[in-house]
Amino acid sequence: FAHTTAVPQPKYQAVMFCVMDVSGSMGTVEKDLAKRFFLLLYFFLQRQYQSVQLVFVKHHHEATECSEDEFFRTREGGGTVVSPALELVQSIQQQRYPASEWNLYLAQASDGDNHHLDNPVLAEVMEQLLAVFQAAFYVEVARNVPSDMLQLYRQLQEKYPQLRTVQARDRRHLYPLFRELFAQPAGGTQAR
């Protein structure tokens, strides 16, 4: 038998999971910033890549996969628990997008509000995702001080530099922060 060397095969398939908080704490300004972020992301992906699949997930205390139209037009409320959204992402990824065949990306927008008892669960699920995802992007909208969730994500950035975070306080910050978020090499970015 001749000696054979395994040659890694590049993955050309990519999926972006878009996760948006639609809870009651997300007021008009917060939802507007989150939707604008996702519109920028949508146009960026359409312009830069020939075929990227998009999966839309919205959440309050429950998470649901939804259509693009529902994602951008939704007006929901309720309490906030974030981990069900990431658990749904993980379930969809495992069922439909095996890491061996897909490049996996996550984009999340929220005001950072989360039930304090959910933070340990959120950290565990996000860490599981980061173990297989190429990159994850978190935009915290309309806050002057970092939330507990952002601080939790910053701690995860130390171990997983493919997690990148920014804070968008208003519309004029959004485009420059978007460019910063997606222009950075692996290694993360500091939230502002």
N, C-alpha and C. Protein backbone atom coordinates (compact mmCIF):
# COMPACT_ATOMS: atom_id res chain seq x y z
N PHE A 1 0.84 -1.19 0.00
CA PHE A 1 0.00 0.00 0.00
C PHE A 1 0.87 1.24 0.00
N ALA A 2 0.56 2.12 -0.85
CA ALA A 2 1.30 3.38 -0.92
C ALA A 2 0.89 4.25 0.26
N HIS A 3 1.82 5.06 0.69
CA HIS A 3 1.53 6.00 1.77
C HIS A 3 0.58 7.08 1.27
N THR A 4 -0.48 7.31 2.01
CA THR A 4 -1.43 8.36 1.62
C THR A 4 -1.45 9.43 2.70
N THR A 5 -1.64 10.63 2.25
CA THR A 5 -1.73 11.76 3.15
C THR A 5 -3.12 12.37 3.01
N ALA A 6 -3.76 12.56 4.15
CA ALA A 6 -5.09 13.18 4.12
C ALA A 6 -4.93 14.67 3.80
N VAL A 7 -5.69 15.10 2.83
CA VAL A 7 -5.66 16.50 2.44
C VAL A 7 -6.99 17.12 2.86
N PRO A 8 -6.94 18.16 3.71
CA PRO A 8 -8.21 18.75 4.13
C PRO A 8 -8.96 19.35 2.95
N GLN A 9 -10.25 19.11 2.92
CA GLN A 9 -11.09 19.65 1.86
C GLN A 9 -11.71 20.96 2.36
N PRO A 10 -11.57 22.03 1.58
CA PRO A 10 -12.17 23.30 2.01
C PRO A 10 -13.69 23.21 2.02
N LYS A 11 -14.28 23.95 2.96
CA LYS A 11 -15.73 24.00 3.05
C LYS A 11 -16.20 25.26 2.34
N TYR A 12 -17.07 25.09 1.36
CA TYR A 12 -17.55 26.23 0.60
C TYR A 12 -18.96 26.64 1.00
N GLN A 13 -19.58 25.85 1.85
CA GLN A 13 -20.92 26.16 2.30
C GLN A 13 -20.84 26.96 3.59
N ALA A 14 -21.65 27.99 3.69
CA ALA A 14 -21.65 28.81 4.90
C ALA A 14 -23.08 29.14 5.30
N VAL A 15 -23.27 29.24 6.60
CA VAL A 15 -24.57 29.63 7.14
C VAL A 15 -24.35 30.68 8.21
N MET A 16 -25.18 31.70 8.19
CA MET A 16 -25.17 32.76 9.20
C MET A 16 -26.47 32.66 9.99
N PHE A 17 -26.34 32.44 11.29
CA PHE A 17 -27.49 32.44 12.18
C PHE A 17 -27.67 33.86 12.70
N CYS A 18 -28.83 34.44 12.45
CA CYS A 18 -29.15 35.79 12.89
C CYS A 18 -30.10 35.69 14.08
N VAL A 19 -29.68 36.17 15.24
CA VAL A 19 -30.46 36.04 16.47
C VAL A 19 -30.78 37.43 17.00
N MET A 20 -32.08 37.74 17.09
CA MET A 20 -32.49 39.06 17.56
C MET A 20 -33.42 38.96 18.76
N ASP A 21 -33.12 39.76 19.76
CA ASP A 21 -33.96 39.91 20.94
C ASP A 21 -35.17 40.75 20.57
N VAL A 22 -36.38 40.23 20.81
CA VAL A 22 -37.61 40.98 20.52
C VAL A 22 -38.45 41.12 21.80
N SER A 23 -37.79 41.05 22.95
CA SER A 23 -38.48 41.10 24.24
C SER A 23 -38.99 42.50 24.55
N GLY A 24 -39.71 42.61 25.64
CA GLY A 24 -40.28 43.89 26.06
C GLY A 24 -39.24 44.94 26.38
N SER A 25 -38.05 44.54 26.81
CA SER A 25 -37.01 45.53 27.13
C SER A 25 -36.43 46.18 25.88
N MET A 26 -36.67 45.55 24.74
CA MET A 26 -36.21 46.12 23.46
C MET A 26 -37.25 47.13 22.99
N GLY A 27 -37.03 48.39 23.32
CA GLY A 27 -37.94 49.45 22.91
C GLY A 27 -37.77 49.79 21.44
N THR A 28 -38.41 50.86 21.03
CA THR A 28 -38.38 51.28 19.63
C THR A 28 -36.96 51.55 19.15
N VAL A 29 -36.18 52.25 19.95
CA VAL A 29 -34.80 52.59 19.57
C VAL A 29 -33.95 51.33 19.47
N GLU A 30 -34.07 50.46 20.46
CA GLU A 30 -33.28 49.23 20.47
C GLU A 30 -33.61 48.34 19.28
N LYS A 31 -34.91 48.16 19.02
CA LYS A 31 -35.30 47.32 17.89
C LYS A 31 -34.87 47.93 16.56
N ASP A 32 -34.96 49.24 16.46
CA ASP A 32 -34.52 49.92 15.24
C ASP A 32 -33.03 49.68 15.00
N LEU A 33 -32.21 49.82 16.04
CA LEU A 33 -30.76 49.58 15.89
C LEU A 33 -30.47 48.13 15.53
N ALA A 34 -31.16 47.21 16.19
CA ALA A 34 -30.94 45.78 15.91
C ALA A 34 -31.31 45.47 14.46
N LYS A 35 -32.45 45.95 14.02
CA LYS A 35 -32.88 45.68 12.64
C LYS A 35 -31.94 46.33 11.63
N ARG A 36 -31.46 47.53 11.92
CA ARG A 36 -30.50 48.18 11.02
C ARG A 36 -29.19 47.39 10.94
N PHE A 37 -28.75 46.85 12.08
CA PHE A 37 -27.55 46.01 12.07
C PHE A 37 -27.75 44.80 11.15
N PHE A 38 -28.90 44.14 11.30
CA PHE A 38 -29.14 42.96 10.48
C PHE A 38 -29.35 43.30 9.00
N LEU A 39 -29.89 44.46 8.70
CA LEU A 39 -29.98 44.89 7.30
C LEU A 39 -28.59 45.11 6.72
N LEU A 40 -27.71 45.76 7.47
CA LEU A 40 -26.32 45.93 7.02
C LEU A 40 -25.68 44.58 6.78
N LEU A 41 -25.89 43.66 7.72
CA LEU A 41 -25.32 42.32 7.59
C LEU A 41 -25.88 41.61 6.35
N TYR A 42 -27.17 41.71 6.14
CA TYR A 42 -27.82 41.08 4.99
C TYR A 42 -27.22 41.60 3.68
N PHE A 43 -27.12 42.92 3.55
CA PHE A 43 -26.56 43.50 2.32
C PHE A 43 -25.08 43.17 2.17
N PHE A 44 -24.34 43.16 3.25
CA PHE A 44 -22.92 42.80 3.23
C PHE A 44 -22.75 41.37 2.71
N LEU A 45 -23.53 40.45 3.25
CA LEU A 45 -23.41 39.05 2.84
C LEU A 45 -23.83 38.86 1.39
N GLN A 46 -24.88 39.54 0.97
CA GLN A 46 -25.35 39.42 -0.41
C GLN A 46 -24.30 39.95 -1.39
N ARG A 47 -23.60 41.00 -1.00
CA ARG A 47 -22.61 41.62 -1.88
C ARG A 47 -21.29 40.84 -1.91
N GLN A 48 -20.88 40.32 -0.75
CA GLN A 48 -19.56 39.71 -0.63
C GLN A 48 -19.51 38.22 -0.97
N TYR A 49 -20.63 37.53 -0.82
CA TYR A 49 -20.59 36.07 -0.94
C TYR A 49 -21.70 35.59 -1.88
N GLN A 50 -21.36 34.61 -2.70
CA GLN A 50 -22.33 34.11 -3.67
C GLN A 50 -23.46 33.33 -3.01
N SER A 51 -23.11 32.49 -2.07
CA SER A 51 -24.17 31.68 -1.46
C SER A 51 -23.90 31.49 0.03
N VAL A 52 -24.63 32.21 0.81
CA VAL A 52 -24.61 32.04 2.25
C VAL A 52 -26.06 31.84 2.67
N GLN A 53 -26.30 30.78 3.39
CA GLN A 53 -27.65 30.56 3.89
C GLN A 53 -27.83 31.38 5.16
N LEU A 54 -29.03 31.90 5.33
CA LEU A 54 -29.37 32.68 6.52
C LEU A 54 -30.46 31.95 7.28
N VAL A 55 -30.27 31.87 8.59
CA VAL A 55 -31.27 31.30 9.48
C VAL A 55 -31.64 32.40 10.47
N PHE A 56 -32.94 32.71 10.56
CA PHE A 56 -33.42 33.79 11.41
C PHE A 56 -34.07 33.23 12.67
N VAL A 57 -33.62 33.73 13.82
CA VAL A 57 -34.15 33.32 15.13
C VAL A 57 -34.49 34.58 15.90
N LYS A 58 -35.72 34.64 16.41
CA LYS A 58 -36.13 35.76 17.28
C LYS A 58 -36.46 35.16 18.65
N HIS A 59 -36.29 35.99 19.68
CA HIS A 59 -36.56 35.46 21.01
C HIS A 59 -37.00 36.54 21.99
N HIS A 60 -37.72 36.12 22.99
CA HIS A 60 -37.98 36.85 24.23
C HIS A 60 -37.66 35.82 25.30
N HIS A 61 -38.63 35.26 26.02
CA HIS A 61 -38.31 34.16 26.92
C HIS A 61 -38.38 32.82 26.20
N GLU A 62 -38.93 32.83 24.99
CA GLU A 62 -38.95 31.67 24.11
C GLU A 62 -38.29 32.06 22.80
N ALA A 63 -37.79 31.06 22.09
CA ALA A 63 -37.13 31.32 20.81
C ALA A 63 -37.83 30.57 19.70
N THR A 64 -37.89 31.19 18.52
CA THR A 64 -38.49 30.55 17.37
C THR A 64 -37.67 30.87 16.12
N GLU A 65 -37.57 29.88 15.24
CA GLU A 65 -37.02 30.14 13.92
C GLU A 65 -38.14 30.80 13.12
N CYS A 66 -37.80 31.77 12.31
CA CYS A 66 -38.83 32.50 11.58
C CYS A 66 -38.33 32.84 10.17
N SER A 67 -39.25 33.33 9.37
CA SER A 67 -38.90 33.77 8.02
C SER A 67 -38.18 35.11 8.11
N GLU A 68 -37.54 35.48 7.02
CA GLU A 68 -36.88 36.79 6.93
C GLU A 68 -37.88 37.91 7.18
N ASP A 69 -39.07 37.79 6.57
CA ASP A 69 -40.10 38.81 6.72
C ASP A 69 -40.54 38.94 8.19
N GLU A 70 -40.79 37.82 8.84
CA GLU A 70 -41.18 37.85 10.26
C GLU A 70 -40.07 38.45 11.12
N PHE A 71 -38.85 38.11 10.79
CA PHE A 71 -37.70 38.59 11.56
C PHE A 71 -37.63 40.12 11.54
N PHE A 72 -37.81 40.71 10.38
CA PHE A 72 -37.68 42.16 10.27
C PHE A 72 -38.95 42.93 10.62
N ARG A 73 -40.08 42.28 10.62
CA ARG A 73 -41.34 42.98 10.88
C ARG A 73 -41.94 42.70 12.26
N THR A 74 -41.33 41.81 13.01
CA THR A 74 -41.92 41.38 14.28
C THR A 74 -42.00 42.51 15.32
N ARG A 75 -43.07 42.51 16.08
CA ARG A 75 -43.24 43.45 17.20
C ARG A 75 -43.76 42.64 18.38
N GLU A 76 -42.85 42.03 19.09
CA GLU A 76 -43.25 41.18 20.21
C GLU A 76 -42.85 41.84 21.52
N GLY A 77 -43.03 41.14 22.59
CA GLY A 77 -42.69 41.63 23.92
C GLY A 77 -42.47 40.44 24.82
N GLY A 78 -42.50 40.69 26.13
CA GLY A 78 -42.30 39.61 27.09
C GLY A 78 -40.96 39.72 27.78
N GLY A 79 -40.74 38.83 28.70
CA GLY A 79 -39.48 38.79 29.44
C GLY A 79 -38.35 38.29 28.58
N THR A 80 -37.14 38.41 29.11
CA THR A 80 -35.97 38.03 28.32
C THR A 80 -35.21 36.88 28.96
N VAL A 81 -35.06 35.81 28.21
CA VAL A 81 -34.17 34.70 28.54
C VAL A 81 -33.46 34.37 27.22
N VAL A 82 -32.14 34.49 27.22
CA VAL A 82 -31.38 34.40 25.97
C VAL A 82 -30.99 32.97 25.60
N SER A 83 -30.71 32.12 26.58
CA SER A 83 -30.18 30.79 26.26
C SER A 83 -31.09 29.97 25.34
N PRO A 84 -32.45 30.06 25.43
CA PRO A 84 -33.25 29.28 24.48
C PRO A 84 -32.96 29.62 23.01
N ALA A 85 -32.60 30.86 22.73
CA ALA A 85 -32.28 31.24 21.35
C ALA A 85 -31.00 30.54 20.89
N LEU A 86 -29.99 30.51 21.74
CA LEU A 86 -28.74 29.85 21.35
C LEU A 86 -28.87 28.34 21.35
N GLU A 87 -29.74 27.81 22.23
CA GLU A 87 -30.01 26.37 22.20
C GLU A 87 -30.72 26.00 20.89
N LEU A 88 -31.62 26.86 20.43
CA LEU A 88 -32.29 26.62 19.15
C LEU A 88 -31.29 26.68 18.00
N VAL A 89 -30.38 27.65 18.03
CA VAL A 89 -29.32 27.73 17.02
C VAL A 89 -28.52 26.43 17.02
N GLN A 90 -28.15 25.97 18.20
CA GLN A 90 -27.36 24.74 18.31
C GLN A 90 -28.13 23.54 17.75
N SER A 91 -29.40 23.45 18.05
CA SER A 91 -30.22 22.34 17.56
C SER A 91 -30.34 22.37 16.03
N ILE A 92 -30.61 23.55 15.48
CA ILE A 92 -30.71 23.69 14.02
C ILE A 92 -29.38 23.35 13.37
N GLN A 93 -28.30 23.85 13.95
CA GLN A 93 -26.98 23.58 13.39
C GLN A 93 -26.68 22.09 13.38
N GLN A 94 -26.96 21.42 14.47
CA GLN A 94 -26.66 19.99 14.55
C GLN A 94 -27.53 19.17 13.60
N GLN A 95 -28.78 19.59 13.38
CA GLN A 95 -29.69 18.84 12.52
C GLN A 95 -29.46 19.11 11.03
N ARG A 96 -29.14 20.36 10.69
CA ARG A 96 -29.12 20.73 9.27
C ARG A 96 -27.76 21.19 8.74
N TYR A 97 -26.85 21.60 9.61
CA TYR A 97 -25.59 22.20 9.16
C TYR A 97 -24.41 21.58 9.91
N PRO A 98 -24.04 20.35 9.60
CA PRO A 98 -22.92 19.72 10.32
C PRO A 98 -21.63 20.52 10.17
N ALA A 99 -20.92 20.67 11.27
CA ALA A 99 -19.69 21.47 11.28
C ALA A 99 -18.64 20.91 10.31
N SER A 100 -18.71 19.62 10.02
CA SER A 100 -17.74 19.04 9.08
C SER A 100 -17.99 19.48 7.64
N GLU A 101 -19.19 20.00 7.36
CA GLU A 101 -19.54 20.37 5.99
C GLU A 101 -19.84 21.86 5.81
N TRP A 102 -19.98 22.59 6.90
CA TRP A 102 -20.41 23.99 6.82
C TRP A 102 -19.48 24.90 7.60
N ASN A 103 -19.29 26.11 7.08
CA ASN A 103 -18.69 27.20 7.85
C ASN A 103 -19.84 27.85 8.62
N LEU A 104 -19.70 27.97 9.91
CA LEU A 104 -20.80 28.39 10.79
C LEU A 104 -20.52 29.76 11.39
N TYR A 105 -21.52 30.65 11.30
CA TYR A 105 -21.39 32.00 11.83
C TYR A 105 -22.65 32.38 12.60
N LEU A 106 -22.46 33.22 13.59
CA LEU A 106 -23.57 33.69 14.42
C LEU A 106 -23.50 35.20 14.54
N ALA A 107 -24.62 35.87 14.35
CA ALA A 107 -24.73 37.31 14.61
C ALA A 107 -25.90 37.50 15.56
N GLN A 108 -25.66 38.24 16.63
CA GLN A 108 -26.67 38.42 17.67
C GLN A 108 -26.78 39.90 18.02
N ALA A 109 -28.03 40.37 18.16
CA ALA A 109 -28.26 41.75 18.59
C ALA A 109 -29.25 41.75 19.74
N SER A 110 -28.91 42.52 20.77
CA SER A 110 -29.74 42.57 21.97
C SER A 110 -29.40 43.83 22.75
N ASP A 111 -30.30 44.19 23.67
CA ASP A 111 -29.97 45.28 24.59
C ASP A 111 -29.18 44.76 25.79
N GLY A 112 -28.93 43.45 25.81
CA GLY A 112 -28.13 42.85 26.88
C GLY A 112 -28.93 42.42 28.08
N ASP A 113 -30.23 42.68 28.06
CA ASP A 113 -31.07 42.28 29.17
C ASP A 113 -31.23 40.76 29.14
N ASN A 114 -31.02 40.11 30.27
CA ASN A 114 -31.19 38.67 30.39
C ASN A 114 -31.49 38.36 31.85
N HIS A 115 -32.34 37.38 32.08
CA HIS A 115 -32.63 36.97 33.45
C HIS A 115 -31.33 36.47 34.08
N HIS A 116 -31.00 36.96 35.26
CA HIS A 116 -29.70 36.67 35.86
C HIS A 116 -29.47 35.16 36.07
N LEU A 117 -30.53 34.39 36.30
CA LEU A 117 -30.36 32.95 36.48
C LEU A 117 -30.01 32.24 35.17
N ASP A 118 -30.23 32.91 34.05
CA ASP A 118 -29.94 32.32 32.75
C ASP A 118 -28.48 32.50 32.34
N ASN A 119 -27.77 33.44 32.94
CA ASN A 119 -26.40 33.73 32.49
C ASN A 119 -25.46 32.52 32.51
N PRO A 120 -25.48 31.66 33.57
CA PRO A 120 -24.60 30.48 33.51
C PRO A 120 -24.96 29.52 32.37
N VAL A 121 -26.26 29.36 32.11
CA VAL A 121 -26.70 28.49 31.00
C VAL A 121 -26.26 29.11 29.68
N LEU A 122 -26.46 30.43 29.55
CA LEU A 122 -26.05 31.15 28.34
C LEU A 122 -24.56 30.97 28.09
N ALA A 123 -23.74 31.12 29.11
CA ALA A 123 -22.29 30.98 28.96
C ALA A 123 -21.93 29.58 28.46
N GLU A 124 -22.59 28.56 29.01
CA GLU A 124 -22.30 27.18 28.63
C GLU A 124 -22.68 26.92 27.17
N VAL A 125 -23.86 27.38 26.75
CA VAL A 125 -24.31 27.15 25.38
C VAL A 125 -23.44 27.94 24.40
N MET A 126 -23.13 29.19 24.73
CA MET A 126 -22.29 29.99 23.83
C MET A 126 -20.91 29.35 23.69
N GLU A 127 -20.37 28.81 24.77
CA GLU A 127 -19.07 28.17 24.69
C GLU A 127 -19.13 26.94 23.78
N GLN A 128 -20.22 26.18 23.84
CA GLN A 128 -20.38 25.02 22.96
C GLN A 128 -20.45 25.46 21.50
N LEU A 129 -21.15 26.55 21.24
CA LEU A 129 -21.21 27.06 19.86
C LEU A 129 -19.84 27.53 19.39
N LEU A 130 -19.15 28.26 20.24
CA LEU A 130 -17.85 28.81 19.85
C LEU A 130 -16.81 27.72 19.59
N ALA A 131 -17.03 26.55 20.15
CA ALA A 131 -16.11 25.44 19.91
C ALA A 131 -16.18 24.95 18.46
N VAL A 132 -17.30 25.23 17.76
CA VAL A 132 -17.44 24.75 16.38
C VAL A 132 -17.68 25.87 15.37
N PHE A 133 -18.06 27.06 15.82
CA PHE A 133 -18.35 28.16 14.90
C PHE A 133 -17.07 28.89 14.52
N GLN A 134 -17.00 29.34 13.26
CA GLN A 134 -15.84 30.09 12.80
C GLN A 134 -15.80 31.49 13.42
N ALA A 135 -16.97 32.10 13.60
CA ALA A 135 -17.02 33.44 14.20
C ALA A 135 -18.41 33.69 14.76
N ALA A 136 -18.45 34.54 15.78
CA ALA A 136 -19.72 34.99 16.36
C ALA A 136 -19.59 36.48 16.62
N PHE A 137 -20.66 37.22 16.30
CA PHE A 137 -20.67 38.67 16.41
C PHE A 137 -21.83 39.09 17.30
N TYR A 138 -21.53 39.89 18.30
CA TYR A 138 -22.57 40.36 19.22
C TYR A 138 -22.59 41.88 19.22
N VAL A 139 -23.78 42.43 18.96
CA VAL A 139 -23.97 43.88 19.00
C VAL A 139 -24.94 44.19 20.13
N GLU A 140 -24.46 44.96 21.08
CA GLU A 140 -25.33 45.41 22.18
C GLU A 140 -25.82 46.80 21.82
N VAL A 141 -27.14 46.97 21.80
CA VAL A 141 -27.74 48.20 21.30
C VAL A 141 -28.26 49.10 22.42
N ALA A 142 -28.03 50.41 22.22
CA ALA A 142 -28.64 51.49 23.02
C ALA A 142 -28.38 51.38 24.51
N ARG A 143 -27.17 51.01 24.89
CA ARG A 143 -26.80 50.99 26.31
C ARG A 143 -25.57 51.86 26.50
N ASN A 144 -25.54 52.58 27.62
CA ASN A 144 -24.36 53.39 27.92
C ASN A 144 -23.32 52.62 28.71
N VAL A 145 -23.74 51.63 29.46
CA VAL A 145 -22.80 50.80 30.22
C VAL A 145 -22.97 49.35 29.78
N PRO A 146 -21.89 48.58 29.78
CA PRO A 146 -21.99 47.18 29.36
C PRO A 146 -22.92 46.38 30.27
N SER A 147 -23.72 45.54 29.68
CA SER A 147 -24.62 44.67 30.44
C SER A 147 -23.83 43.50 31.03
N ASP A 148 -24.48 42.76 31.91
CA ASP A 148 -23.86 41.54 32.43
C ASP A 148 -23.59 40.56 31.29
N MET A 149 -24.49 40.54 30.31
CA MET A 149 -24.32 39.63 29.17
C MET A 149 -23.07 40.01 28.36
N LEU A 150 -22.88 41.29 28.12
CA LEU A 150 -21.68 41.72 27.40
C LEU A 150 -20.43 41.38 28.19
N GLN A 151 -20.47 41.58 29.48
CA GLN A 151 -19.31 41.23 30.31
C GLN A 151 -19.02 39.73 30.27
N LEU A 152 -20.09 38.93 30.26
CA LEU A 152 -19.93 37.48 30.13
C LEU A 152 -19.27 37.14 28.79
N TYR A 153 -19.74 37.78 27.71
CA TYR A 153 -19.16 37.54 26.38
C TYR A 153 -17.70 38.00 26.33
N ARG A 154 -17.39 39.08 26.98
CA ARG A 154 -15.99 39.55 27.01
C ARG A 154 -15.09 38.52 27.68
N GLN A 155 -15.59 37.87 28.72
CA GLN A 155 -14.81 36.81 29.38
C GLN A 155 -14.59 35.64 28.42
N LEU A 156 -15.62 35.29 27.66
CA LEU A 156 -15.48 34.21 26.69
C LEU A 156 -14.51 34.57 25.57
N GLN A 157 -14.40 35.87 25.24
CA GLN A 157 -13.47 36.31 24.19
C GLN A 157 -12.03 35.95 24.51
N GLU A 158 -11.70 35.89 25.78
CA GLU A 158 -10.33 35.55 26.16
C GLU A 158 -9.96 34.14 25.69
N LYS A 159 -10.92 33.23 25.74
CA LYS A 159 -10.68 31.86 25.30
C LYS A 159 -11.03 31.66 23.83
N TYR A 160 -12.01 32.41 23.34
CA TYR A 160 -12.51 32.25 21.98
C TYR A 160 -12.42 33.59 21.23
N PRO A 161 -11.27 33.87 20.63
CA PRO A 161 -11.09 35.17 19.96
C PRO A 161 -11.98 35.36 18.74
N GLN A 162 -12.65 34.31 18.27
CA GLN A 162 -13.56 34.47 17.14
C GLN A 162 -14.88 35.11 17.57
N LEU A 163 -15.07 35.33 18.86
CA LEU A 163 -16.23 36.08 19.36
C LEU A 163 -15.86 37.55 19.36
N ARG A 164 -16.66 38.35 18.69
CA ARG A 164 -16.39 39.79 18.60
C ARG A 164 -17.61 40.55 19.10
N THR A 165 -17.36 41.62 19.83
CA THR A 165 -18.45 42.37 20.44
C THR A 165 -18.28 43.87 20.22
N VAL A 166 -19.42 44.55 20.09
CA VAL A 166 -19.42 46.01 20.03
C VAL A 166 -20.70 46.51 20.70
N GLN A 167 -20.68 47.78 21.08
CA GLN A 167 -21.85 48.46 21.60
C GLN A 167 -22.23 49.57 20.63
N ALA A 168 -23.47 49.56 20.18
CA ALA A 168 -23.97 50.61 19.28
C ALA A 168 -24.98 51.43 20.07
N ARG A 169 -24.59 52.65 20.43
CA ARG A 169 -25.47 53.47 21.27
C ARG A 169 -26.55 54.19 20.47
N ASP A 170 -26.23 54.52 19.22
CA ASP A 170 -27.25 55.16 18.38
C ASP A 170 -26.92 54.90 16.91
N ARG A 171 -27.80 55.39 16.03
CA ARG A 171 -27.68 55.10 14.59
C ARG A 171 -26.33 55.50 14.01
N ARG A 172 -25.81 56.65 14.43
CA ARG A 172 -24.57 57.13 13.80
C ARG A 172 -23.37 56.25 14.14
N HIS A 173 -23.45 55.47 15.21
CA HIS A 173 -22.36 54.55 15.57
C HIS A 173 -22.43 53.24 14.80
N LEU A 174 -23.59 52.93 14.27
CA LEU A 174 -23.83 51.59 13.75
C LEU A 174 -22.93 51.22 12.57
N TYR A 175 -22.87 52.04 11.55
CA TYR A 175 -22.08 51.68 10.37
C TYR A 175 -20.58 51.57 10.69
N PRO A 176 -19.98 52.55 11.38
CA PRO A 176 -18.56 52.39 11.72
C PRO A 176 -18.29 51.16 12.58
N LEU A 177 -19.19 50.85 13.51
CA LEU A 177 -19.01 49.67 14.35
C LEU A 177 -19.18 48.39 13.53
N PHE A 178 -20.10 48.40 12.58
CA PHE A 178 -20.28 47.25 11.70
C PHE A 178 -19.00 46.99 10.93
N ARG A 179 -18.42 48.05 10.37
CA ARG A 179 -17.16 47.89 9.62
C ARG A 179 -16.05 47.38 10.52
N GLU A 180 -15.99 47.89 11.73
CA GLU A 180 -14.97 47.43 12.69
C GLU A 180 -15.19 45.96 13.04
N LEU A 181 -16.42 45.59 13.25
CA LEU A 181 -16.76 44.22 13.64
C LEU A 181 -16.33 43.22 12.58
N PHE A 182 -16.57 43.54 11.32
CA PHE A 182 -16.29 42.59 10.24
C PHE A 182 -14.94 42.81 9.57
N ALA A 183 -14.22 43.84 9.94
CA ALA A 183 -12.89 44.07 9.37
C ALA A 183 -11.80 43.49 10.24
N GLN A 184 -12.12 43.20 11.48
CA GLN A 184 -11.11 42.71 12.42
C GLN A 184 -10.64 41.30 12.06
N PRO A 185 -9.34 41.07 12.17
CA PRO A 185 -8.88 39.68 12.05
C PRO A 185 -9.31 38.92 13.31
N ALA A 186 -9.24 37.61 13.28
CA ALA A 186 -9.59 36.82 14.47
C ALA A 186 -8.78 37.34 15.64
N GLY A 187 -9.40 37.46 16.76
CA GLY A 187 -8.74 38.01 17.93
C GLY A 187 -9.69 38.93 18.65
N GLY A 188 -10.86 39.17 18.07
CA GLY A 188 -11.89 39.94 18.76
C GLY A 188 -11.65 41.42 18.70
N THR A 189 -12.63 42.12 19.19
CA THR A 189 -12.57 43.56 19.27
C THR A 189 -13.14 43.99 20.59
N GLN A 190 -12.66 45.04 21.10
CA GLN A 190 -13.17 45.54 22.36
C GLN A 190 -14.47 46.27 22.14
N ALA A 191 -15.40 46.05 23.03
CA ALA A 191 -16.66 46.79 22.94
C ALA A 191 -16.42 48.22 23.34
N ARG A 192 -17.18 49.10 22.72
CA ARG A 192 -17.06 50.51 23.08
C ARG A 192 -18.31 50.94 23.80
